C-alpha atoms as a PDB file:
ATOM      1  CA  MET A   1       6.885   0.883 -14.423  1.00  0.00           C
ATOM      2  CA  THR A   2       9.605  -2.043 -14.523  1.00  0.00           C
ATOM      3  CA  TRP A   3      11.496  -0.578 -17.681  1.00  0.00           C
ATOM      4  CA  LEU A   4      11.438   2.584 -15.965  1.00  0.00           C
ATOM      5  CA  ILE A   5      13.129   1.191 -12.497  1.00  0.00           C
ATOM      6  CA  SER A   6      15.754  -0.815 -15.068  1.00  0.00           C
ATOM      7  CA  ASP A   7      16.504   2.689 -16.791  1.00  0.00           C
ATOM      8  CA  GLU A   8      17.263   4.035 -13.050  1.00  0.00           C
ATOM      9  CA  ALA A   9      19.812   1.030 -12.456  1.00  0.00           C
ATOM     10  CA  ARG A  10      21.263   1.430 -15.717  1.00  0.00           C
ATOM     11  CA  LYS A  11      22.172   5.179 -15.131  1.00  0.00           C
ATOM     12  CA  HIS A  12      23.267   4.381 -11.589  1.00  0.00           C
ATOM     13  CA  ARG A  13      25.793   1.436 -13.018  1.00  0.00           C
ATOM     14  CA  ALA A  14      27.082   4.445 -15.438  1.00  0.00           C
ATOM     15  CA  PHE A  15      28.015   6.660 -12.474  1.00  0.00           C
ATOM     16  CA  ARG A  16      31.841   6.314 -11.858  1.00  0.00           C
ATOM     17  CA  GLU A  17      31.571   7.283  -8.384  1.00  0.00           C
ATOM     18  CA  VAL A  18      29.312   4.205  -7.720  1.00  0.00           C
ATOM     19  CA  TRP A  19      32.029   1.688  -9.054  1.00  0.00           C
ATOM     20  CA  VAL A  20      34.549   3.440  -6.904  1.00  0.00           C
ATOM     21  CA  ALA A  21      32.229   2.853  -4.377  1.00  0.00           C
ATOM     22  CA  TYR A  22      31.545  -0.744  -4.551  1.00  0.00           C
ATOM     23  CA  LEU A  23      35.439  -1.367  -4.677  1.00  0.00           C
ATOM     24  CA  LEU A  24      36.288   0.405  -1.381  1.00  0.00           C
ATOM     25  CA  GLY A  25      33.042  -0.895   0.118  1.00  0.00           C
ATOM     26  CA  GLY A  26      34.168  -4.539  -0.813  1.00  0.00           C
ATOM     27  CA  LEU A  27      37.604  -3.562   0.411  1.00  0.00           C
ATOM     28  CA  TYR A  28      36.433  -2.534   3.898  1.00  0.00           C
ATOM     29  CA  LEU A  29      34.016  -5.354   3.892  1.00  0.00           C
ATOM     30  CA  LEU A  30      36.982  -7.984   3.460  1.00  0.00           C
ATOM     31  CA  LEU A  31      39.120  -6.020   5.930  1.00  0.00           C
ATOM     32  CA  GLY A  32      35.902  -6.055   8.735  1.00  0.00           C
ATOM     33  CA  LEU A  33      35.746  -9.718   8.090  1.00  0.00           C
ATOM     34  CA  TYR A  34      39.607 -10.608   8.235  1.00  0.00           C
ATOM     35  CA  THR A  35      39.963  -8.663  11.178  1.00  0.00           C
ATOM     36  CA  ASP A  36      37.110 -10.584  12.963  1.00  0.00           C
ATOM     37  CA  ILE A  37      38.684 -13.862  12.011  1.00  0.00           C
ATOM     38  CA  SER A  38      42.158 -13.068  12.765  1.00  0.00           C
ATOM     39  CA  GLU A  39      41.230 -11.803  16.286  1.00  0.00           C
ATOM     40  CA  GLN A  40      40.197 -15.192  16.942  1.00  0.00           C
ATOM     41  CA  ASN A  41      36.967 -14.194  18.511  1.00  0.00           C
ATOM     42  CA  TYR A  42      35.426 -17.641  17.741  1.00  0.00           C
ATOM     43  CA  SER A  43      38.146 -19.609  19.457  1.00  0.00           C
ATOM     44  CA  VAL A  44      37.334 -22.717  21.996  1.00  0.00           C
ATOM     45  CA  LEU A  45      37.757 -19.904  24.713  1.00  0.00           C
ATOM     46  CA  TYR A  46      34.279 -18.827  24.333  1.00  0.00           C
ATOM     47  CA  ASP A  47      30.932 -20.707  24.220  1.00  0.00           C
ATOM     48  CA  ALA A  48      28.343 -20.352  21.682  1.00  0.00           C
ATOM     49  CA  GLN A  49      26.393 -17.786  23.094  1.00  0.00           C
ATOM     50  CA  GLN A  50      29.423 -15.327  23.321  1.00  0.00           C
ATOM     51  CA  LYS A  51      30.422 -16.248  19.916  1.00  0.00           C
ATOM     52  CA  TRP A  52      26.972 -15.287  18.546  1.00  0.00           C
ATOM     53  CA  LEU A  53      27.196 -12.067  20.716  1.00  0.00           C
ATOM     54  CA  PHE A  54      30.628 -11.011  18.736  1.00  0.00           C
ATOM     55  CA  VAL A  55      28.533 -11.560  15.751  1.00  0.00           C
ATOM     56  CA  GLN A  56      25.558  -9.203  16.702  1.00  0.00           C
ATOM     57  CA  GLN A  57      28.450  -6.747  17.620  1.00  0.00           C
ATOM     58  CA  ASN A  58      29.862  -6.831  13.838  1.00  0.00           C
ATOM     59  CA  ILE A  59      26.740  -5.378  12.816  1.00  0.00           C
ATOM     60  CA  TYR A  60      27.664  -2.287  14.611  1.00  0.00           C
ATOM     61  CA  SER A  61      31.323  -2.256  13.955  1.00  0.00           C
ATOM     62  CA  TYR A  62      30.992  -2.287  10.097  1.00  0.00           C
ATOM     63  CA  GLY A  63      27.722  -2.908   8.654  1.00  0.00           C
ATOM     64  CA  ALA A  64      26.276   0.360   9.548  1.00  0.00           C
ATOM     65  CA  THR A  65      29.168   2.290   8.308  1.00  0.00           C
ATOM     66  CA  LEU A  66      29.537   0.535   5.122  1.00  0.00           C
ATOM     67  CA  THR A  67      25.897   0.529   4.573  1.00  0.00           C
ATOM     68  CA  ALA A  68      25.875   4.207   5.169  1.00  0.00           C
ATOM     69  CA  PHE A  69      29.047   4.936   2.995  1.00  0.00           C
ATOM     70  CA  LEU A  70      27.362   3.275  -0.380  1.00  0.00           C
ATOM     71  CA  LEU A  71      24.117   5.011   0.012  1.00  0.00           C
ATOM     72  CA  ALA A  72      25.832   8.351   0.367  1.00  0.00           C
ATOM     73  CA  VAL A  73      27.837   7.864  -2.575  1.00  0.00           C
ATOM     74  CA  GLY A  74      25.417   5.987  -4.731  1.00  0.00           C
ATOM     75  CA  LEU A  75      22.216   7.723  -4.402  1.00  0.00           C
ATOM     76  CA  PRO A  76      22.557  11.450  -4.784  1.00  0.00           C
ATOM     77  CA  ARG A  77      23.359  11.391  -8.477  1.00  0.00           C
ATOM     78  CA  LEU A  78      20.350   9.339  -8.871  1.00  0.00           C
ATOM     79  CA  VAL A  79      18.548  12.570  -8.337  1.00  0.00           C
ATOM     80  CA  CYS A  80      20.742  14.893  -9.423  1.00  0.00           C
ATOM     81  CA  CYS A  81      21.414  13.339 -13.051  1.00  0.00           C
ATOM     82  CA  GLU A  82      18.783  14.972 -14.954  1.00  0.00           C
ATOM     83  CA  ARG A  83      19.670  18.369 -13.938  1.00  0.00           C
ATOM     84  CA  GLU A  84      23.436  17.825 -14.283  1.00  0.00           C
ATOM     85  CA  TYR A  85      23.135  15.856 -17.825  1.00  0.00           C
ATOM     86  CA  ARG A  86      20.196  18.895 -19.019  1.00  0.00           C
ATOM     87  CA  THR A  87      17.779  16.337 -19.199  1.00  0.00           C
ATOM     88  CA  ASP A  88      15.409  17.491 -16.964  1.00  0.00           C
ATOM     89  CA  ASP A  89      13.320  19.179 -19.425  1.00  0.00           C
ATOM     90  CA  LEU A  90      12.692  15.999 -20.866  1.00  0.00           C
ATOM     91  CA  VAL A  91      10.974  14.412 -17.831  1.00  0.00           C
ATOM     92  CA  GLY A  92       7.989  16.540 -18.001  1.00  0.00           C
ATOM     93  CA  THR A  93       7.166  15.943 -21.636  1.00  0.00           C
ATOM     94  CA  ALA A  94       5.082  13.054 -21.370  1.00  0.00           C
ATOM     95  CA  ALA A  95       2.026  12.348 -19.485  1.00  0.00           C
ATOM     96  CA  LEU A  96       2.394  11.710 -15.855  1.00  0.00           C
ATOM     97  CA  GLY A  97       6.103  11.628 -16.889  1.00  0.00           C
ATOM     98  CA  ARG A  98       7.424  13.408 -13.384  1.00  0.00           C
ATOM     99  CA  ARG A  99       5.275  10.805 -11.192  1.00  0.00           C
ATOM    100  CA  CYS A 100       6.222   7.873 -12.900  1.00  0.00           C
ATOM    101  CA  THR A 101       9.886   8.982 -13.247  1.00  0.00           C
ATOM    102  CA  TRP A 102       9.539   9.879  -9.395  1.00  0.00           C
ATOM    103  CA  ARG A 103       8.110   6.263  -8.559  1.00  0.00           C
ATOM    104  CA  ALA A 104      10.788   4.606 -10.361  1.00  0.00           C
ATOM    105  CA  LYS A 105      13.469   6.406  -8.275  1.00  0.00           C
ATOM    106  CA  ALA A 106      11.543   5.871  -5.386  1.00  0.00           C
ATOM    107  CA  ALA A 107      11.479   1.925  -6.060  1.00  0.00           C
ATOM    108  CA  PHE A 108      15.185   1.596  -7.180  1.00  0.00           C
ATOM    109  CA  THR A 109      16.154   3.343  -3.840  1.00  0.00           C
ATOM    110  CA  VAL A 110      14.372   0.740  -1.840  1.00  0.00           C
ATOM    111  CA  LEU A 111      15.705  -1.970  -4.246  1.00  0.00           C
ATOM    112  CA  TYR A 112      19.461  -0.741  -3.723  1.00  0.00           C
ATOM    113  CA  CYS A 113      18.899  -0.587   0.291  1.00  0.00           C
ATOM    114  CA  VAL A 114      17.674  -4.032   0.267  1.00  0.00           C
ATOM    115  CA  ALA A 115      20.636  -5.107  -2.024  1.00  0.00           C
ATOM    116  CA  VAL A 116      23.306  -3.703   0.213  1.00  0.00           C
ATOM    117  CA  VAL A 117      21.923  -4.786   3.439  1.00  0.00           C
ATOM    118  CA  PHE A 118      21.470  -8.452   2.155  1.00  0.00           C
ATOM    119  CA  ILE A 119      25.023  -8.441   0.619  1.00  0.00           C
ATOM    120  CA  ILE A 120      26.619  -7.131   3.780  1.00  0.00           C
ATOM    121  CA  GLY A 121      24.647  -9.372   6.182  1.00  0.00           C
ATOM    122  CA  ALA A 122      24.718 -12.537   3.776  1.00  0.00           C
ATOM    123  CA  ALA A 123      28.599 -11.948   3.970  1.00  0.00           C
ATOM    124  CA  SER A 124      28.946 -11.252   7.507  1.00  0.00           C
ATOM    125  CA  LEU A 125      26.540 -14.391   8.745  1.00  0.00           C
ATOM    126  CA  LEU A 126      28.350 -16.489   6.351  1.00  0.00           C
ATOM    127  CA  VAL A 127      31.670 -15.705   6.943  1.00  0.00           C
ATOM    128  CA  ASN A 128      31.579 -15.214  10.693  1.00  0.00           C
ATOM    129  CA  GLY A 129      28.910 -17.956  11.371  1.00  0.00           C
ATOM    130  CA  GLY A 130      31.094 -20.317   9.484  1.00  0.00           C
ATOM    131  CA  ALA A 131      34.260 -19.698  11.513  1.00  0.00           C
ATOM    132  CA  PHE A 132      32.533 -21.568  14.489  1.00  0.00           C
ATOM    133  CA  GLY A 133      30.672 -24.098  12.233  1.00  0.00           C
ATOM    134  CA  PHE A 134      27.354 -22.174  13.560  1.00  0.00           C
ATOM    135  CA  GLU A 135      27.489 -23.762  16.781  1.00  0.00           C
ATOM    136  CA  GLY A 136      24.032 -22.705  18.995  1.00  0.00           C
ATOM    137  CA  ALA A 137      22.657 -21.013  15.631  1.00  0.00           C
ATOM    138  CA  LEU A 138      19.412 -22.532  16.597  1.00  0.00           C
ATOM    139  CA  SER A 139      19.488 -22.268  20.307  1.00  0.00           C
ATOM    140  CA  PRO A 140      17.472 -19.370  22.177  1.00  0.00           C
ATOM    141  CA  VAL A 141      19.150 -15.881  22.380  1.00  0.00           C
ATOM    142  CA  THR A 142      20.467 -15.690  26.136  1.00  0.00           C
ATOM    143  CA  ARG A 143      22.492 -12.771  25.745  1.00  0.00           C
ATOM    144  CA  CYS A 144      21.702  -9.620  23.436  1.00  0.00           C
ATOM    145  CA  VAL A 145      23.600  -6.432  22.856  1.00  0.00           C
ATOM    146  CA  TYR A 146      20.646  -3.909  23.005  1.00  0.00           C
ATOM    147  CA  PHE A 147      17.784  -5.771  25.309  1.00  0.00           C
ATOM    148  CA  ALA A 148      17.862  -6.490  28.784  1.00  0.00           C
ATOM    149  CA  ASP A 149      18.658  -9.802  29.575  1.00  0.00           C
ATOM    150  CA  GLY A 150      15.291 -10.384  31.293  1.00  0.00           C
ATOM    151  CA  ALA A 151      13.459  -9.400  28.220  1.00  0.00           C
ATOM    152  CA  LEU A 152      15.230 -11.116  25.410  1.00  0.00           C
ATOM    153  CA  PRO A 153      13.788 -11.780  21.858  1.00  0.00           C
ATOM    154  CA  PRO A 154      11.626 -14.829  21.605  1.00  0.00           C
ATOM    155  CA  MET A 155      13.913 -16.400  18.615  1.00  0.00           C
ATOM    156  CA  SER A 156      17.364 -18.132  17.724  1.00  0.00           C
ATOM    157  CA  ASN A 157      20.544 -16.702  17.452  1.00  0.00           C
ATOM    158  CA  LEU A 158      20.396 -16.658  13.904  1.00  0.00           C
ATOM    159  CA  ALA A 159      17.031 -15.515  13.490  1.00  0.00           C
ATOM    160  CA  TYR A 160      18.136 -12.388  15.869  1.00  0.00           C
ATOM    161  CA  CYS A 161      21.452 -11.665  13.971  1.00  0.00           C
ATOM    162  CA  ALA A 162      19.387 -11.942  10.475  1.00  0.00           C
ATOM    163  CA  LEU A 163      16.269  -9.805  12.144  1.00  0.00           C
ATOM    164  CA  GLN A 164      19.179  -7.245  13.259  1.00  0.00           C
ATOM    165  CA  TYR A 165      20.054  -6.691   9.187  1.00  0.00           C
ATOM    166  CA  GLY A 166      16.074  -6.098   9.126  1.00  0.00           C
ATOM    167  CA  PHE A 167      16.762  -3.264  11.444  1.00  0.00           C
ATOM    168  CA  LEU A 168      19.450  -2.158   9.536  1.00  0.00           C
ATOM    169  CA  LEU A 169      17.523  -2.247   6.467  1.00  0.00           C
ATOM    170  CA  LEU A 170      14.913   0.359   8.234  1.00  0.00           C
ATOM    171  CA  GLY A 171      17.796   2.655   8.757  1.00  0.00           C
ATOM    172  CA  ALA A 172      19.264   2.602   5.508  1.00  0.00           C
ATOM    173  CA  LEU A 173      15.865   3.324   3.945  1.00  0.00           C
ATOM    174  CA  TYR A 174      15.479   6.006   6.874  1.00  0.00           C
ATOM    175  CA  PHE A 175      18.686   7.442   5.542  1.00  0.00           C
ATOM    176  CA  ALA A 176      18.007   6.907   2.056  1.00  0.00           C
ATOM    177  CA  GLY A 177      14.968   9.344   2.215  1.00  0.00           C
ATOM    178  CA  PHE A 178      17.220  11.735   3.765  1.00  0.00           C
ATOM    179  CA  ILE A 179      19.336  11.580   1.047  1.00  0.00           C
ATOM    180  CA  LEU A 180      16.935  12.163  -1.593  1.00  0.00           C
ATOM    181  CA  ILE A 181      15.415  15.144  -0.306  1.00  0.00           C
ATOM    182  CA  ILE A 182      18.908  16.823   0.259  1.00  0.00           C
ATOM    183  CA  ALA A 183      20.027  15.961  -3.160  1.00  0.00           C
ATOM    184  CA  ALA A 184      16.513  17.193  -4.555  1.00  0.00           C
ATOM    185  CA  LEU A 185      16.976  20.438  -2.896  1.00  0.00           C
ATOM    186  CA  THR A 186      20.640  21.014  -4.144  1.00  0.00           C
ATOM    187  CA  ARG A 187      20.457  19.383  -6.935  1.00  0.00           C
ATOM    188  CA  ARG A 188      24.575  18.930  -6.708  1.00  0.00           C
ATOM    189  CA  THR A 189      25.532  15.334  -6.588  1.00  0.00           C
ATOM    190  CA  ALA A 190      29.276  16.451  -4.785  1.00  0.00           C
ATOM    191  CA  LEU A 191      27.420  18.802  -2.342  1.00  0.00           C
ATOM    192  CA  SER A 192      24.848  16.022  -1.421  1.00  0.00           C
ATOM    193  CA  LEU A 193      27.430  13.383  -1.006  1.00  0.00           C
ATOM    194  CA  PHE A 194      29.247  16.102   1.420  1.00  0.00           C
ATOM    195  CA  LEU A 195      26.026  17.080   3.363  1.00  0.00           C
ATOM    196  CA  CYS A 196      24.910  13.066   3.639  1.00  0.00           C
ATOM    197  CA  GLY A 197      28.347  11.819   4.453  1.00  0.00           C
ATOM    198  CA  GLY A 198      29.218  14.636   6.875  1.00  0.00           C
ATOM    199  CA  SER A 199      25.830  14.086   8.831  1.00  0.00           C
ATOM    200  CA  TYR A 200      26.285  10.285   9.269  1.00  0.00           C
ATOM    201  CA  LEU A 201      29.814  11.315  10.499  1.00  0.00           C
ATOM    202  CA  LEU A 202      28.399  13.566  12.981  1.00  0.00           C
ATOM    203  CA  PHE A 203      25.939  10.997  14.373  1.00  0.00           C
ATOM    204  CA  PHE A 204      28.558   8.547  14.428  1.00  0.00           C
ATOM    205  CA  ALA A 205      31.013  10.677  16.501  1.00  0.00           C
ATOM    206  CA  TYR A 206      28.154  11.424  18.630  1.00  0.00           C
ATOM    207  CA  SER A 207      27.471   7.879  19.446  1.00  0.00           C
ATOM    208  CA  ALA A 208      30.984   7.421  20.358  1.00  0.00           C
ATOM    209  CA  VAL A 209      31.598  10.686  22.477  1.00  0.00           C
ATOM    210  CA  GLY A 210      28.220  12.284  22.770  1.00  0.00           C
ATOM    211  CA  PHE A 211      28.168  11.132  26.824  1.00  0.00           C
ATOM    212  CA  GLN A 212      30.931  13.600  27.483  1.00  0.00           C
ATOM    213  CA  LEU A 213      29.246  16.566  26.161  1.00  0.00           C
ATOM    214  CA  PRO A 214      27.513  18.900  28.771  1.00  0.00           C
ATOM    215  CA  GLU A 215      23.864  17.820  29.772  1.00  0.00           C
ATOM    216  CA  PHE A 216      22.171  20.856  28.048  1.00  0.00           C
ATOM    217  CA  LEU A 217      23.696  19.986  24.788  1.00  0.00           C
ATOM    218  CA  ARG A 218      23.513  16.088  25.516  1.00  0.00           C
ATOM    219  CA  VAL A 219      19.834  16.272  25.648  1.00  0.00           C
ATOM    220  CA  PRO A 220      18.818  17.791  22.187  1.00  0.00           C
ATOM    221  CA  PHE A 221      21.500  16.125  20.502  1.00  0.00           C
ATOM    222  CA  ASP A 222      20.374  12.609  22.296  1.00  0.00           C
ATOM    223  CA  ALA A 223      16.866  13.294  21.133  1.00  0.00           C
ATOM    224  CA  LEU A 224      18.080  14.092  17.758  1.00  0.00           C
ATOM    225  CA  TYR A 225      20.197  10.708  17.096  1.00  0.00           C
ATOM    226  CA  ARG A 226      17.658   8.763  18.848  1.00  0.00           C
ATOM    227  CA  PHE A 227      14.802   9.459  16.716  1.00  0.00           C
ATOM    228  CA  GLY A 228      17.040  10.396  13.329  1.00  0.00           C
ATOM    229  CA  PHE A 229      18.323   8.154  10.940  1.00  0.00           C
ATOM    230  CA  GLY A 230      21.704   7.809  12.816  1.00  0.00           C
ATOM    231  CA  GLY A 231      20.359   5.990  15.682  1.00  0.00           C
ATOM    232  CA  TYR A 232      18.308   3.449  13.461  1.00  0.00           C
ATOM    233  CA  LEU A 233      21.472   2.977  11.440  1.00  0.00           C
ATOM    234  CA  LEU A 234      23.734   2.257  14.296  1.00  0.00           C
ATOM    235  CA  LEU A 235      20.579   0.100  15.934  1.00  0.00           C
ATOM    236  CA  GLU A 236      20.683   2.050  19.066  1.00  0.00           C
ATOM    237  CA  SER A 237      17.245   3.605  18.404  1.00  0.00           C
ATOM    238  CA  TYR A 238      15.508   0.071  18.726  1.00  0.00           C
ATOM    239  CA  SER A 239      16.491  -0.284  22.620  1.00  0.00           C
ATOM    240  CA  TRP A 240      15.646   3.094  23.525  1.00  0.00           C
ATOM    241  CA  THR A 241      12.940   3.306  26.328  1.00  0.00           C
ATOM    242  CA  SER A 242      11.986   6.097  28.831  1.00  0.00           C
ATOM    243  CA  ARG A 243      13.394   3.837  31.266  1.00  0.00           C
ATOM    244  CA  GLY A 244      17.021   3.961  29.484  1.00  0.00           C
ATOM    245  CA  PHE A 245      19.462   1.667  28.183  1.00  0.00           C
ATOM    246  CA  PRO A 246      19.018  -1.325  27.739  1.00  0.00           C
ATOM    247  CA  GLY A 247      15.594  -1.521  26.205  1.00  0.00           C
ATOM    248  CA  LEU A 248      12.812  -4.038  26.592  1.00  0.00           C
ATOM    249  CA  TRP A 249      11.878  -6.351  23.530  1.00  0.00           C
ATOM    250  CA  SER A 250       8.384  -5.798  24.272  1.00  0.00           C
ATOM    251  CA  ASP A 251       8.721  -1.959  23.612  1.00  0.00           C
ATOM    252  CA  VAL A 252      10.574  -2.596  19.945  1.00  0.00           C
ATOM    253  CA  TRP A 253       7.274  -1.998  18.003  1.00  0.00           C
ATOM    254  CA  LYS A 254       7.650   1.594  19.142  1.00  0.00           C
ATOM    255  CA  PRO A 255      10.623   2.818  17.217  1.00  0.00           C
ATOM    256  CA  VAL A 256       9.835   0.563  14.184  1.00  0.00           C
ATOM    257  CA  LEU A 257       6.489   2.247  13.799  1.00  0.00           C
ATOM    258  CA  LEU A 258       8.287   5.772  14.032  1.00  0.00           C
ATOM    259  CA  GLY A 259      10.847   4.450  11.691  1.00  0.00           C
ATOM    260  CA  ILE A 260       8.470   3.680   9.202  1.00  0.00           C
ATOM    261  CA  GLY A 261       6.258   6.793   9.433  1.00  0.00           C
ATOM    262  CA  MET A 262       9.752   8.858   9.192  1.00  0.00           C
ATOM    263  CA  ILE A 263      10.406   6.955   5.871  1.00  0.00           C
ATOM    264  CA  LEU A 264       6.885   7.588   3.845  1.00  0.00           C
ATOM    265  CA  LEU A 265       7.079  11.040   5.043  1.00  0.00           C
ATOM    266  CA  GLU A 266      10.840  11.197   3.722  1.00  0.00           C
ATOM    267  CA  PHE A 267       9.618  10.027   0.511  1.00  0.00           C
ATOM    268  CA  PHE A 268       6.378  12.305   0.166  1.00  0.00           C
ATOM    269  CA  VAL A 269       8.739  15.464   0.594  1.00  0.00           C
ATOM    270  CA  PHE A 270      10.950  14.275  -1.906  1.00  0.00           C
ATOM    271  CA  TRP A 271       8.207  13.806  -4.213  1.00  0.00           C
ATOM    272  CA  ARG A 272       6.941  17.341  -3.404  1.00  0.00           C
ATOM    273  CA  ILE A 273      10.424  19.046  -3.521  1.00  0.00           C
ATOM    274  CA  TRP A 274      11.323  16.960  -6.649  1.00  0.00           C
ATOM    275  CA  GLY A 275       8.188  17.228  -8.570  1.00  0.00           C
ATOM    276  CA  GLY A 276       7.011  20.441  -7.422  1.00  0.00           C
ATOM    277  CA  LYS A 277      10.445  22.128  -8.613  1.00  0.00           C
ATOM    278  CA  ARG A 278       9.656  20.536 -12.200  1.00  0.00           C
ATOM    279  CA  ARG A 279       6.332  21.666 -12.318  1.00  0.00           C
ATOM    280  CA  HIS A 280       7.435  25.475 -11.368  1.00  0.00           C
ATOM    281  CA  GLU A 281      10.191  25.335 -13.952  1.00  0.00           C
ATOM    282  CA  SER A 282       7.840  24.146 -16.662  1.00  0.00           C
END
């Protein structure tokens, strides 16, 4: 199994668009970090809790979009390459070939999501936290972007920021499952990239201007946003409750459980589409 995952990684590194995405993503991350520092958000004018609140907002401001960009560019060809390179007939020549290949693609997808979120999170926390010397890093959270002040997470500022990247990872896996399904259906890299990237941009636009829509449109779109990968990537789904925004920390297990269930469902659907198509063709 390990060598199959390594083989998927080698194929991934051979895709030209992946290296273009790495270059553009790296520049975007540097720009975001530079903007944070140059705006002097961490000057002596703010106390430690306000500085950590800025770090929380950075995860939303560029972490989610950069993660979505790297996934939308880096994953579609992973599914489409056998078809586009006309090697898909070889997948089923070995016993359990399709199942093992699917497992390798799924495992590589998970590892890729972990790597993307870890690199973005580590860079952001080290640069932004280092800008003010990690002052108050181990102090309890007293201000939070998504949860009510009366029901804050029982952890330190640094731990909560790291946990937010854990939430981002769950959103990344949710989006990755969607990408795998679209790529398995279209089997065209460019079309999959366009559909997946466009879907995220629609969610991103809704997060900014959705409140201006008429109520008869806002209600269904808000449900799609909150329970879809868009809200999970932009970290807003975790604070959603029937009481509205902000949410309560005691209710965070509900969106987490829903997200895990949707991810498992997506990977199962991906197997049924990807494996089923090849069984039918063979």
